Protein backbone atom coordinates (compact mmCIF):
# COMPACT_ATOMS: atom_id res chain seq x y z
CA PHE A 1 16.68 17.49 12.84
CA PHE A 2 15.04 20.87 12.46
CA PHE A 3 17.27 23.85 12.66
CA GLN A 4 16.37 27.58 13.53
CA ALA A 5 18.78 29.98 12.02
CA GLU A 6 20.04 32.94 15.26
CA ASP A 7 22.39 35.75 14.31
CA GLY A 8 23.06 34.47 10.60
CA ILE A 9 24.06 31.54 8.98
CA ARG A 10 26.67 30.52 11.91
CA ASP A 11 24.40 30.09 14.64
CA TYR A 12 21.95 27.63 14.72
CA LYS A 13 19.66 26.11 17.25
CA VAL A 14 17.80 22.62 17.37
CA THR A 15 14.13 23.00 17.23
CA GLY A 16 13.04 19.48 17.83
CA VAL A 17 13.70 16.07 16.40
CA GLN A 18 11.94 13.99 13.88
CA THR A 19 12.49 10.58 12.19
CA CYS A 20 11.77 10.14 8.39
CA ALA A 21 11.67 7.75 5.50
CA LEU A 22 13.17 8.71 2.41
CA PRO A 23 11.63 6.18 -0.46
CA ILE A 24 13.15 5.79 -3.89
CA PHE A 25 10.28 4.57 -6.26
CA ALA A 26 11.15 2.72 -9.61
CA GLU A 27 8.52 4.73 -11.47
CA ALA A 28 6.76 8.29 -10.87
CA MET A 29 3.50 8.08 -8.76
CA PRO A 30 1.96 11.61 -9.52
CA ALA A 31 -1.08 10.74 -7.65
CA ARG A 32 0.45 8.90 -4.63
CA LEU A 33 0.05 12.11 -2.62
CA ALA A 34 -3.21 12.74 -3.54
CA LEU A 35 -4.30 9.35 -2.81
CA ALA A 36 -2.55 9.50 1.35
CA GLN A 37 -3.87 12.62 1.53
CA ALA A 38 -7.61 11.36 0.81
CA ALA A 39 -6.97 8.89 3.52
CA ALA A 40 -5.59 11.38 5.65
CA ARG A 41 -8.86 13.87 5.67
CA CYS A 42 -11.25 10.53 6.66
CA GLY A 43 -9.37 10.33 9.90
CA ILE A 44 -6.32 7.65 9.02
CA ARG A 45 -2.71 8.85 9.99
CA VAL A 46 -0.41 8.32 7.16
CA PRO A 47 3.25 9.84 6.62
CA GLN A 48 2.91 13.51 5.63
CA LEU A 49 4.90 14.82 2.74
CA LEU A 50 8.07 16.88 4.26
CA ALA A 51 9.76 17.21 0.85
CA ALA A 52 9.63 15.80 -2.98
CA PRO A 53 13.03 16.79 -4.69
CA HIS A 54 12.39 14.13 -7.65
CA ASP A 55 9.38 12.63 -8.83
CA ARG A 56 10.85 9.15 -7.65
CA LEU A 57 12.42 10.37 -4.65
CA ILE A 58 10.41 11.78 -1.42
CA LEU A 59 11.03 13.01 2.04
CA GLU A 60 8.11 11.48 4.62
CA THR A 61 7.81 11.44 8.29
CA HIS A 62 7.94 8.21 10.09
CA LEU A 63 4.78 7.06 11.49
CA GLU A 64 4.65 5.45 15.34
CA GLY A 65 3.72 2.35 15.92
CA LYS A 66 4.03 -1.55 16.22
CA PRO A 67 3.06 -3.93 13.10
CA TRP A 68 -0.38 -5.35 13.50
CA ASP A 69 -0.83 -8.52 15.10
CA PRO A 70 -3.69 -9.75 13.61
CA CYS A 71 -4.34 -12.51 16.44
CA GLN A 72 -5.36 -9.34 19.12
CA ARG A 73 -8.93 -9.33 18.39
CA ALA A 74 -9.70 -5.56 19.60
CA GLU A 75 -6.82 -4.53 17.11
CA GLY A 76 -8.91 -6.25 14.51
CA ALA A 77 -11.76 -4.40 14.76
CA ALA A 78 -9.67 -1.10 14.63
CA VAL A 79 -7.72 -1.93 11.17
CA ALA A 80 -11.28 -3.21 9.56
CA ALA A 81 -13.06 0.30 10.78
CA THR A 82 -9.80 2.09 9.43
CA LEU A 83 -9.86 0.27 6.27
CA ALA A 84 -13.22 1.01 5.69
CA ARG A 85 -12.56 4.41 6.06
CA LEU A 86 -9.88 4.02 3.58
CA HIS A 87 -12.43 2.85 1.43
CA GLY A 88 -15.16 4.93 1.78
CA ALA A 89 -12.38 8.30 0.93
CA GLU A 90 -13.12 10.84 -1.85
CA GLN A 91 -11.39 9.67 -4.86
CA PRO A 92 -8.86 12.24 -5.79
CA GLN A 93 -8.39 13.12 -9.56
CA GLY A 94 -5.71 11.78 -11.21
CA ALA A 95 -5.86 8.35 -9.41
CA ARG A 96 -5.00 5.56 -11.48
CA VAL A 97 -7.89 3.03 -11.93
CA HIS A 98 -7.07 -0.77 -11.56
CA THR A 99 -9.77 -3.58 -12.52
CA HIS A 100 -9.73 -6.98 -12.42
CA SER A 101 -9.35 -6.96 -15.94
CA ALA A 102 -5.75 -4.47 -15.73
CA GLU A 103 -5.00 -7.40 -13.28
CA LEU A 104 -5.56 -10.19 -15.56
CA GLU A 105 -3.73 -8.55 -18.05
CA LEU A 106 -0.37 -8.12 -15.80
CA ALA A 107 -0.46 -11.98 -14.65
CA ARG A 108 -0.66 -12.32 -18.65
CA ARG A 109 2.40 -10.57 -18.95
CA ALA A 110 4.32 -12.35 -16.34
CA VAL A 111 3.36 -15.60 -17.98
CA ASP A 112 5.18 -14.28 -21.17
CA ASP A 113 7.93 -12.91 -19.08
CA ILE A 114 8.22 -16.33 -17.33
CA SER A 115 8.05 -18.42 -20.71
CA ARG A 116 11.75 -16.22 -21.45
CA LEU A 117 12.87 -17.77 -18.57
CA ASP A 118 11.69 -21.34 -17.96
CA ALA A 119 9.20 -23.19 -20.02
CA SER A 120 8.18 -26.00 -17.12
CA LEU A 121 7.41 -22.91 -15.09
CA ALA A 122 5.95 -20.97 -17.76
CA ARG A 123 3.29 -23.90 -18.17
CA ASP A 124 2.31 -24.17 -14.83
CA ALA A 125 1.88 -20.03 -14.78
CA SER A 126 -0.29 -19.99 -18.15
CA ALA A 127 -2.18 -22.56 -16.50
CA LEU A 128 -3.02 -20.53 -13.79
CA ALA A 129 -3.68 -17.46 -15.90
CA ALA A 130 -6.09 -19.12 -17.68
CA ARG A 131 -7.93 -20.23 -14.24
CA LEU A 132 -8.09 -16.66 -13.18
CA ALA A 133 -9.54 -15.85 -16.43
CA GLN A 134 -12.42 -18.34 -15.91
CA HIS A 135 -13.00 -16.82 -12.42
CA LEU A 136 -12.46 -13.07 -12.85
CA PRO A 137 -15.04 -10.98 -10.94
CA ALA A 138 -17.59 -8.52 -12.48
CA GLU A 139 -16.18 -5.46 -11.46
CA SER A 140 -17.47 -3.01 -8.50
CA PRO A 141 -17.52 0.44 -8.04
CA PRO A 142 -14.11 1.97 -7.75
CA ARG A 143 -12.75 2.79 -3.96
CA LEU A 144 -9.26 4.26 -2.58
CA VAL A 145 -7.90 1.03 -2.10
CA HIS A 146 -4.02 0.71 -0.47
CA GLY A 147 -2.97 -1.59 -2.84
CA ASP A 148 -0.31 -3.34 -0.89
CA PHE A 149 -2.67 -4.22 2.13
CA HIS A 150 -0.46 -6.64 4.82
CA LEU A 151 0.59 -6.84 8.00
CA GLY A 152 3.63 -4.75 7.83
CA GLN A 153 2.12 -1.94 6.11
CA VAL A 154 -0.75 -1.63 9.33
CA LEU A 155 0.61 0.45 12.50
CA VAL A 156 -1.09 0.01 15.83
CA ALA A 157 -0.91 2.87 18.49
CA GLN A 158 -3.43 4.97 20.18
CA ASP A 159 -5.14 4.40 16.72
CA ILE A 160 -4.44 2.59 13.12
CA ALA A 161 -1.93 4.25 10.97
CA LEU A 162 -1.52 2.87 7.26
CA CYS A 163 1.73 3.62 5.79
CA ASP A 164 3.54 3.06 1.88
CA PHE A 165 0.62 4.65 -0.45
CA ASP A 166 3.09 3.34 -3.25
CA ARG A 167 0.75 0.92 -4.83
CA ALA A 168 -2.62 3.08 -3.64
CA CYS A 169 -4.91 3.64 -6.74
CA LEU A 170 -9.05 3.20 -7.06
CA GLY A 171 -10.04 0.10 -7.56
CA PRO A 172 -12.29 -2.90 -5.95
CA ALA A 173 -12.44 -3.23 -2.50
CA GLY A 174 -11.51 -6.87 -2.44
CA VAL A 175 -8.16 -5.77 -3.83
CA ASP A 176 -7.26 -4.89 -0.24
CA LEU A 177 -9.19 -8.06 1.35
CA ALA A 178 -7.30 -10.42 -0.96
CA ALA A 179 -4.14 -9.19 -0.26
CA LEU A 180 -4.10 -9.10 3.46
CA HIS A 181 -5.98 -12.74 3.05
CA ALA A 182 -2.55 -13.89 0.88
CA HIS A 183 -0.43 -12.48 3.43
CA ALA A 184 -2.05 -13.03 7.02
CA VAL A 185 -3.59 -16.52 6.16
CA ILE A 186 -2.10 -18.33 3.30
CA ALA A 187 1.85 -17.40 3.82
CA ASP A 188 1.27 -17.18 7.92
CA PRO A 189 4.63 -18.46 9.04
CA GLU A 190 2.94 -20.16 12.26
CA ILE A 191 0.57 -22.22 9.90
CA GLY A 192 2.28 -22.68 6.74
CA ARG A 193 1.78 -21.94 2.99
CA ALA A 194 -1.83 -23.16 2.75
CA HIS A 195 -3.03 -25.10 -0.51
CA VAL A 196 -5.30 -23.34 -2.55
């Protein structure tokens, strides 16, 4: 609710109603706002910051729309165009740069964590990390990437909106395409989990 004071503190008038989101983060993300603003400047509808009382707590506008259904071909073209605009957006200074090598290092750290929990799972995870290391792609020019691009992050209304810029960074455009493939194809509830 937005209130406008009239005649001192006691009398208030409701001037409008707006739903909002109150994300709480595990770690501070100083460039998150700059990345979302860069997306907005290239014509993408994103949540607008209302307040940031703490570096891990923000209040932002709610976005209208329904989650994207990838079976809707007309929406697919609009989503692809929106993602292309995001990848072509200006790159804010101070944004985290995420590379393929950094992703591999995260996988290796996950193997270390898993090894403390279960030896048999650690063997499987270690084999997967080794396979990833063998197929590490060449680095490509960094782009503004969403970082967690799945169906729930895309809202369809008259246009396409993107929400949840918590993992946004600069990195290879393939990061968003791989995340979308993993969520929309490999783990599709209709076809079941594909074996890769």
